[in-house]
């Protein structure tokens, strides 16, 4: 799994086997793992994160969305 971004203790990446899905990003921190769609931005799976962490993750995704989509496209196309 390519990890493409680290911020505030979160790691962001995607799984190579998920190539048939629309652009998304997985978020990891400790033993938690969430999944977010990137276009439009929407939470696909909470993965055990509390509301505070989910808000932080959303802000990061909003700020880095274009970068995440660009890296996703580079990897899968």
PDB file of N, CA and C in Angstrom:
ATOM      1  N   UNK A   1       0.838  -1.174   0.000  1.00  0.00           N
ATOM      2  CA  UNK A   1       0.000   0.000   0.000  1.00  0.00           C
ATOM      3  C   UNK A   1       0.886   1.242   0.000  1.00  0.00           C
ATOM      4  N   UNK A   2       0.792   2.044  -1.039  1.00  0.00           N
ATOM      5  CA  UNK A   2       1.548   3.298  -1.026  1.00  0.00           C
ATOM      6  C   UNK A   2       0.983   4.264   0.024  1.00  0.00           C
ATOM      7  N   UNK A   3       1.835   4.730   0.919  1.00  0.00           N
ATOM      8  CA  UNK A   3       1.452   5.790   1.845  1.00  0.00           C
ATOM      9  C   UNK A   3       1.932   7.086   1.220  1.00  0.00           C
ATOM     10  N   UNK A   4       1.020   8.033   1.016  1.00  0.00           N
ATOM     11  CA  UNK A   4       1.372   9.234   0.258  1.00  0.00           C
ATOM     12  C   UNK A   4       1.387  10.505   1.094  1.00  0.00           C
ATOM     13  N   UNK A   5       0.891  10.441   2.326  1.00  0.00           N
ATOM     14  CA  UNK A   5       0.836  11.658   3.142  1.00  0.00           C
ATOM     15  C   UNK A   5       0.809  11.278   4.615  1.00  0.00           C
ATOM     16  N   UNK A   6       1.477  12.078   5.434  1.00  0.00           N
ATOM     17  CA  UNK A   6       1.441  11.952   6.891  1.00  0.00           C
ATOM     18  C   UNK A   6       1.141  13.326   7.463  1.00  0.00           C
ATOM     19  N   UNK A   7       0.191  13.373   8.383  1.00  0.00           N
ATOM     20  CA  UNK A   7      -0.130  14.643   9.038  1.00  0.00           C
ATOM     21  C   UNK A   7      -0.865  14.370  10.339  1.00  0.00           C
ATOM     22  N   UNK A   8      -0.479  15.061  11.399  1.00  0.00           N
ATOM     23  CA  UNK A   8      -1.124  14.984  12.709  1.00  0.00           C
ATOM     24  C   UNK A   8      -1.279  13.551  13.213  1.00  0.00           C
ATOM     25  N   UNK A   9      -0.303  12.716  12.909  1.00  0.00           N
ATOM     26  CA  UNK A   9      -0.345  11.330  13.363  1.00  0.00           C
ATOM     27  C   UNK A   9      -1.133  10.396  12.473  1.00  0.00           C
ATOM     28  N   UNK A  10      -1.721  10.906  11.405  1.00  0.00           N
ATOM     29  CA  UNK A  10      -2.485  10.096  10.454  1.00  0.00           C
ATOM     30  C   UNK A  10      -1.603   9.772   9.252  1.00  0.00           C
ATOM     31  N   UNK A  11      -1.777   8.587   8.704  1.00  0.00           N
ATOM     32  CA  UNK A  11      -1.132   8.195   7.454  1.00  0.00           C
ATOM     33  C   UNK A  11      -2.221   7.997   6.411  1.00  0.00           C
ATOM     34  N   UNK A  12      -1.975   8.456   5.195  1.00  0.00           N
ATOM     35  CA  UNK A  12      -2.960   8.391   4.118  1.00  0.00           C
ATOM     36  C   UNK A  12      -2.379   7.589   2.955  1.00  0.00           C
ATOM     37  N   UNK A  13      -3.186   6.669   2.415  1.00  0.00           N
ATOM     38  CA  UNK A  13      -2.729   5.873   1.290  1.00  0.00           C
ATOM     39  C   UNK A  13      -3.868   5.091   0.673  1.00  0.00           C
ATOM     40  N   UNK A  14      -3.517   4.186  -0.226  1.00  0.00           N
ATOM     41  CA  UNK A  14      -4.540   3.368  -0.879  1.00  0.00           C
ATOM     42  C   UNK A  14      -3.968   1.994  -1.153  1.00  0.00           C
ATOM     43  N   UNK A  15      -4.859   1.038  -1.395  1.00  0.00           N
ATOM     44  CA  UNK A  15      -4.467  -0.335  -1.678  1.00  0.00           C
ATOM     45  C   UNK A  15      -4.463  -0.562  -3.183  1.00  0.00           C
ATOM     46  N   UNK A  16      -3.408  -1.129  -3.698  1.00  0.00           N
ATOM     47  CA  UNK A  16      -3.284  -1.363  -5.137  1.00  0.00           C
ATOM     48  C   UNK A  16      -4.373  -2.279  -5.683  1.00  0.00           C
ATOM     49  N   UNK A  17      -4.914  -3.148  -4.864  1.00  0.00           N
ATOM     50  CA  UNK A  17      -5.942  -4.086  -5.322  1.00  0.00           C
ATOM     51  C   UNK A  17      -7.293  -3.419  -5.549  1.00  0.00           C
ATOM     52  N   UNK A  18      -7.463  -2.180  -5.105  1.00  0.00           N
ATOM     53  CA  UNK A  18      -8.760  -1.495  -5.206  1.00  0.00           C
ATOM     54  C   UNK A  18      -8.881  -0.659  -6.471  1.00  0.00           C
ATOM     55  N   UNK A  19      -8.268  -1.068  -7.543  1.00  0.00           N
ATOM     56  CA  UNK A  19      -8.208  -0.248  -8.749  1.00  0.00           C
ATOM     57  C   UNK A  19      -9.557  -0.026  -9.438  1.00  0.00           C
ATOM     58  N   UNK A  20     -10.561  -0.842  -9.181  1.00  0.00           N
ATOM     59  CA  UNK A  20     -11.853  -0.693  -9.848  1.00  0.00           C
ATOM     60  C   UNK A  20     -12.805   0.228  -9.099  1.00  0.00           C
ATOM     61  N   UNK A  21     -12.319   0.918  -8.105  1.00  0.00           N
ATOM     62  CA  UNK A  21     -13.156   1.833  -7.331  1.00  0.00           C
ATOM     63  C   UNK A  21     -12.884   3.270  -7.757  1.00  0.00           C
ATOM     64  N   UNK A  22     -13.841   4.157  -7.477  1.00  0.00           N
ATOM     65  CA  UNK A  22     -13.567   5.576  -7.736  1.00  0.00           C
ATOM     66  C   UNK A  22     -12.485   6.079  -6.783  1.00  0.00           C
ATOM     67  N   UNK A  23     -11.903   7.258  -7.033  1.00  0.00           N
ATOM     68  CA  UNK A  23     -10.825   7.769  -6.174  1.00  0.00           C
ATOM     69  C   UNK A  23     -11.212   7.784  -4.694  1.00  0.00           C
ATOM     70  N   UNK A  24     -10.303   7.300  -3.866  1.00  0.00           N
ATOM     71  CA  UNK A  24     -10.529   7.211  -2.428  1.00  0.00           C
ATOM     72  C   UNK A  24      -9.194   7.351  -1.722  1.00  0.00           C
ATOM     73  N   UNK A  25      -9.243   7.447  -0.405  1.00  0.00           N
ATOM     74  CA  UNK A  25      -8.036   7.447   0.416  1.00  0.00           C
ATOM     75  C   UNK A  25      -8.328   6.662   1.691  1.00  0.00           C
ATOM     76  N   UNK A  26      -7.382   5.830   2.095  1.00  0.00           N
ATOM     77  CA  UNK A  26      -7.468   5.164   3.394  1.00  0.00           C
ATOM     78  C   UNK A  26      -6.703   6.006   4.397  1.00  0.00           C
ATOM     79  N   UNK A  27      -7.189   6.029   5.631  1.00  0.00           N
ATOM     80  CA  UNK A  27      -6.560   6.787   6.702  1.00  0.00           C
ATOM     81  C   UNK A  27      -6.234   5.809   7.833  1.00  0.00           C
ATOM     82  N   UNK A  28      -4.995   5.871   8.307  1.00  0.00           N
ATOM     83  CA  UNK A  28      -4.535   4.970   9.353  1.00  0.00           C
ATOM     84  C   UNK A  28      -4.000   5.769  10.536  1.00  0.00           C
ATOM     85  N   UNK A  29      -4.286   5.297  11.719  1.00  0.00           N
ATOM     86  CA  UNK A  29      -3.694   5.836  12.938  1.00  0.00           C
ATOM     87  C   UNK A  29      -3.831   4.757  14.003  1.00  0.00           C
ATOM     88  N   UNK A  30      -2.693   4.337  14.536  1.00  0.00           N
ATOM     89  CA  UNK A  30      -2.664   3.266  15.525  1.00  0.00           C
ATOM     90  C   UNK A  30      -3.370   2.039  14.952  1.00  0.00           C
ATOM     91  N   UNK A  31      -4.409   1.538  15.602  1.00  0.00           N
ATOM     92  CA  UNK A  31      -5.099   0.341  15.114  1.00  0.00           C
ATOM     93  C   UNK A  31      -6.379   0.680  14.344  1.00  0.00           C
ATOM     94  N   UNK A  32      -6.546   1.928  13.965  1.00  0.00           N
ATOM     95  CA  UNK A  32      -7.760   2.369  13.266  1.00  0.00           C
ATOM     96  C   UNK A  32      -7.475   2.547  11.776  1.00  0.00           C
ATOM     97  N   UNK A  33      -8.519   2.294  10.971  1.00  0.00           N
ATOM     98  CA  UNK A  33      -8.397   2.467   9.529  1.00  0.00           C
ATOM     99  C   UNK A  33      -9.747   2.878   8.961  1.00  0.00           C
ATOM    100  N   UNK A  34      -9.797   4.051   8.368  1.00  0.00           N
ATOM    101  CA  UNK A  34     -11.027   4.547   7.745  1.00  0.00           C
ATOM    102  C   UNK A  34     -10.810   4.654   6.238  1.00  0.00           C
ATOM    103  N   UNK A  35     -11.902   4.857   5.530  1.00  0.00           N
ATOM    104  CA  UNK A  35     -11.849   5.036   4.082  1.00  0.00           C
ATOM    105  C   UNK A  35     -12.737   6.210   3.710  1.00  0.00           C
ATOM    106  N   UNK A  36     -12.214   7.071   2.847  1.00  0.00           N
ATOM    107  CA  UNK A  36     -12.958   8.248   2.389  1.00  0.00           C
ATOM    108  C   UNK A  36     -12.942   8.302   0.867  1.00  0.00           C
ATOM    109  N   UNK A  37     -14.098   8.590   0.278  1.00  0.00           N
ATOM    110  CA  UNK A  37     -14.186   8.870  -1.152  1.00  0.00           C
ATOM    111  C   UNK A  37     -13.684  10.291  -1.369  1.00  0.00           C
ATOM    112  N   UNK A  38     -13.096  10.541  -2.522  1.00  0.00           N
ATOM    113  CA  UNK A  38     -12.512  11.852  -2.798  1.00  0.00           C
ATOM    114  C   UNK A  38     -13.339  12.714  -3.749  1.00  0.00           C
ATOM    115  N   UNK A  39     -14.252  12.117  -4.503  1.00  0.00           N
ATOM    116  CA  UNK A  39     -15.015  12.901  -5.474  1.00  0.00           C
ATOM    117  C   UNK A  39     -16.440  12.390  -5.595  1.00  0.00           C
ATOM    118  N   UNK A  40     -17.340  12.953  -4.798  1.00  0.00           N
ATOM    119  CA  UNK A  40     -17.169  14.013  -3.814  1.00  0.00           C
ATOM    120  C   UNK A  40     -16.590  13.443  -2.505  1.00  0.00           C
ATOM    121  N   UNK A  41     -16.109  14.328  -1.661  1.00  0.00           N
ATOM    122  CA  UNK A  41     -15.560  13.905  -0.376  1.00  0.00           C
ATOM    123  C   UNK A  41     -16.684  13.364   0.493  1.00  0.00           C
ATOM    124  N   UNK A  42     -16.533  12.119   0.903  1.00  0.00           N
ATOM    125  CA  UNK A  42     -17.542  11.469   1.743  1.00  0.00           C
ATOM    126  C   UNK A  42     -16.883  10.315   2.488  1.00  0.00           C
ATOM    127  N   UNK A  43     -17.284  10.140   3.708  1.00  0.00           N
ATOM    128  CA  UNK A  43     -16.753   9.053   4.513  1.00  0.00           C
ATOM    129  C   UNK A  43     -17.384   7.736   4.062  1.00  0.00           C
ATOM    130  N   UNK A  44     -16.555   6.774   3.713  1.00  0.00           N
ATOM    131  CA  UNK A  44     -17.040   5.458   3.303  1.00  0.00           C
ATOM    132  C   UNK A  44     -17.077   4.482   4.475  1.00  0.00           C
ATOM    133  N   UNK A  45     -16.088   4.609   5.381  1.00  0.00           N
ATOM    134  CA  UNK A  45     -16.013   3.717   6.540  1.00  0.00           C
ATOM    135  C   UNK A  45     -15.307   4.448   7.679  1.00  0.00           C
ATOM    136  N   UNK A  46     -15.935   4.469   8.852  1.00  0.00           N
ATOM    137  CA  UNK A  46     -15.393   5.183  10.019  1.00  0.00           C
ATOM    138  C   UNK A  46     -14.110   4.572  10.558  1.00  0.00           C
ATOM    139  N   UNK A  47     -14.057   3.300  10.617  1.00  0.00           N
ATOM    140  CA  UNK A  47     -12.855   2.606  11.048  1.00  0.00           C
ATOM    141  C   UNK A  47     -12.463   2.809  12.497  1.00  0.00           C
ATOM    142  N   UNK A  48     -13.415   3.175  13.356  1.00  0.00           N
ATOM    143  CA  UNK A  48     -13.122   3.312  14.774  1.00  0.00           C
ATOM    144  C   UNK A  48     -12.664   4.688  15.220  1.00  0.00           C
ATOM    145  N   UNK A  49     -12.579   5.641  14.302  1.00  0.00           N
ATOM    146  CA  UNK A  49     -12.174   6.995  14.680  1.00  0.00           C
ATOM    147  C   UNK A  49     -13.297   7.723  15.403  1.00  0.00           C
ATOM    148  N   UNK A  50     -12.937   8.513  16.414  1.00  0.00           N
ATOM    149  CA  UNK A  50     -13.934   9.309  17.131  1.00  0.00           C
ATOM    150  C   UNK A  50     -14.248  10.579  16.325  1.00  0.00           C
ATOM    151  N   UNK A  51     -15.226  11.338  16.786  1.00  0.00           N
ATOM    152  CA  UNK A  51     -15.674  12.533  16.060  1.00  0.00           C
ATOM    153  C   UNK A  51     -14.551  13.546  15.869  1.00  0.00           C
ATOM    154  N   UNK A  52     -13.734  13.741  16.895  1.00  0.00           N
ATOM    155  CA  UNK A  52     -12.633  14.703  16.802  1.00  0.00           C
ATOM    156  C   UNK A  52     -11.649  14.302  15.705  1.00  0.00           C
ATOM    157  N   UNK A  53     -11.242  13.044  15.696  1.00  0.00           N
ATOM    158  CA  UNK A  53     -10.320  12.574  14.668  1.00  0.00           C
ATOM    159  C   UNK A  53     -10.961  12.622  13.289  1.00  0.00           C
ATOM    160  N   UNK A  54     -12.231  12.284  13.193  1.00  0.00           N
ATOM    161  CA  UNK A  54     -12.916  12.327  11.901  1.00  0.00           C
ATOM    162  C   UNK A  54     -12.959  13.750  11.351  1.00  0.00           C
ATOM    163  N   UNK A  55     -13.157  14.724  12.220  1.00  0.00           N
ATOM    164  CA  UNK A  55     -13.143  16.131  11.789  1.00  0.00           C
ATOM    165  C   UNK A  55     -11.752  16.537  11.301  1.00  0.00           C
ATOM    166  N   UNK A  56     -10.719  16.114  12.019  1.00  0.00           N
ATOM    167  CA  UNK A  56      -9.341  16.409  11.599  1.00  0.00           C
ATOM    168  C   UNK A  56      -9.047  15.782  10.242  1.00  0.00           C
ATOM    169  N   UNK A  57      -9.442  14.525  10.097  1.00  0.00           N
ATOM    170  CA  UNK A  57      -9.212  13.813   8.837  1.00  0.00           C
ATOM    171  C   UNK A  57      -9.925  14.527   7.697  1.00  0.00           C
ATOM    172  N   UNK A  58     -11.156  14.912   7.918  1.00  0.00           N
ATOM    173  CA  UNK A  58     -11.910  15.601   6.854  1.00  0.00           C
ATOM    174  C   UNK A  58     -11.206  16.890   6.445  1.00  0.00           C
ATOM    175  N   UNK A  59     -10.734  17.670   7.416  1.00  0.00           N
ATOM    176  CA  UNK A  59     -10.036  18.923   7.087  1.00  0.00           C
ATOM    177  C   UNK A  59      -8.770  18.647   6.274  1.00  0.00           C
ATOM    178  N   UNK A  60      -8.039  17.612   6.632  1.00  0.00           N
ATOM    179  CA  UNK A  60      -6.836  17.261   5.885  1.00  0.00           C
ATOM    180  C   UNK A  60      -7.202  16.849   4.459  1.00  0.00           C
ATOM    181  N   UNK A  61      -8.229  16.025   4.330  1.00  0.00           N
ATOM    182  CA  UNK A  61      -8.642  15.569   3.004  1.00  0.00           C
ATOM    183  C   UNK A  61      -9.106  16.738   2.146  1.00  0.00           C
ATOM    184  N   UNK A  62      -9.865  17.641   2.718  1.00  0.00           N
ATOM    185  CA  UNK A  62     -10.311  18.817   1.961  1.00  0.00           C
ATOM    186  C   UNK A  62      -9.091  19.602   1.470  1.00  0.00           C
ATOM    187  N   UNK A  63      -8.116  19.803   2.348  1.00  0.00           N
ATOM    188  CA  UNK A  63      -6.925  20.586   1.991  1.00  0.00           C
ATOM    189  C   UNK A  63      -6.042  19.874   0.960  1.00  0.00           C
ATOM    190  N   UNK A  64      -5.992  18.547   1.002  1.00  0.00           N
ATOM    191  CA  UNK A  64      -5.077  17.786   0.142  1.00  0.00           C
ATOM    192  C   UNK A  64      -5.785  17.014  -0.972  1.00  0.00           C
ATOM    193  N   UNK A  65      -7.055  17.261  -1.153  1.00  0.00           N
ATOM    194  CA  UNK A  65      -7.869  16.483  -2.091  1.00  0.00           C
ATOM    195  C   UNK A  65      -7.248  16.378  -3.487  1.00  0.00           C
ATOM    196  N   UNK A  66      -6.860  17.484  -4.076  1.00  0.00           N
ATOM    197  CA  UNK A  66      -6.304  17.458  -5.429  1.00  0.00           C
ATOM    198  C   UNK A  66      -5.013  16.630  -5.488  1.00  0.00           C
ATOM    199  N   UNK A  67      -4.169  16.774  -4.470  1.00  0.00           N
ATOM    200  CA  UNK A  67      -2.947  15.974  -4.404  1.00  0.00           C
ATOM    201  C   UNK A  67      -3.286  14.492  -4.309  1.00  0.00           C
ATOM    202  N   UNK A  68      -4.226  14.126  -3.430  1.00  0.00           N
ATOM    203  CA  UNK A  68      -4.620  12.729  -3.268  1.00  0.00           C
ATOM    204  C   UNK A  68      -5.167  12.159  -4.580  1.00  0.00           C
ATOM    205  N   UNK A  69      -6.034  12.913  -5.246  1.00  0.00           N
ATOM    206  CA  UNK A  69      -6.602  12.432  -6.514  1.00  0.00           C
ATOM    207  C   UNK A  69      -5.506  12.279  -7.559  1.00  0.00           C
ATOM    208  N   UNK A  70      -4.602  13.226  -7.621  1.00  0.00           N
ATOM    209  CA  UNK A  70      -3.497  13.152  -8.576  1.00  0.00           C
ATOM    210  C   UNK A  70      -2.651  11.904  -8.344  1.00  0.00           C
ATOM    211  N   UNK A  71      -2.285  11.650  -7.105  1.00  0.00           N
ATOM    212  CA  UNK A  71      -1.486  10.462  -6.784  1.00  0.00           C
ATOM    213  C   UNK A  71      -2.264   9.177  -7.044  1.00  0.00           C
ATOM    214  N   UNK A  72      -3.559   9.186  -6.756  1.00  0.00           N
ATOM    215  CA  UNK A  72      -4.404   8.014  -7.013  1.00  0.00           C
ATOM    216  C   UNK A  72      -4.404   7.713  -8.510  1.00  0.00           C
ATOM    217  N   UNK A  73      -4.602   8.743  -9.324  1.00  0.00           N
ATOM    218  CA  UNK A  73      -4.628   8.551 -10.785  1.00  0.00           C
ATOM    219  C   UNK A  73      -3.272   8.075 -11.303  1.00  0.00           C
ATOM    220  N   UNK A  74      -2.186   8.638 -10.797  1.00  0.00           N
ATOM    221  CA  UNK A  74      -0.852   8.197 -11.214  1.00  0.00           C
ATOM    222  C   UNK A  74      -0.653   6.722 -10.913  1.00  0.00           C
ATOM    223  N   UNK A  75      -1.126   6.296  -9.780  1.00  0.00           N
ATOM    224  CA  UNK A  75      -0.931   4.907  -9.372  1.00  0.00           C
ATOM    225  C   UNK A  75      -1.778   3.928 -10.174  1.00  0.00           C
ATOM    226  N   UNK A  76      -3.019   4.296 -10.449  1.00  0.00           N
ATOM    227  CA  UNK A  76      -3.952   3.347 -11.056  1.00  0.00           C
ATOM    228  C   UNK A  76      -4.070   3.469 -12.564  1.00  0.00           C
ATOM    229  N   UNK A  77      -3.519   4.488 -13.167  1.00  0.00           N
ATOM    230  CA  UNK A  77      -3.655   4.638 -14.642  1.00  0.00           C
ATOM    231  C   UNK A  77      -2.327   4.610 -15.330  1.00  0.00           C
TER     232      UNK A  77
END
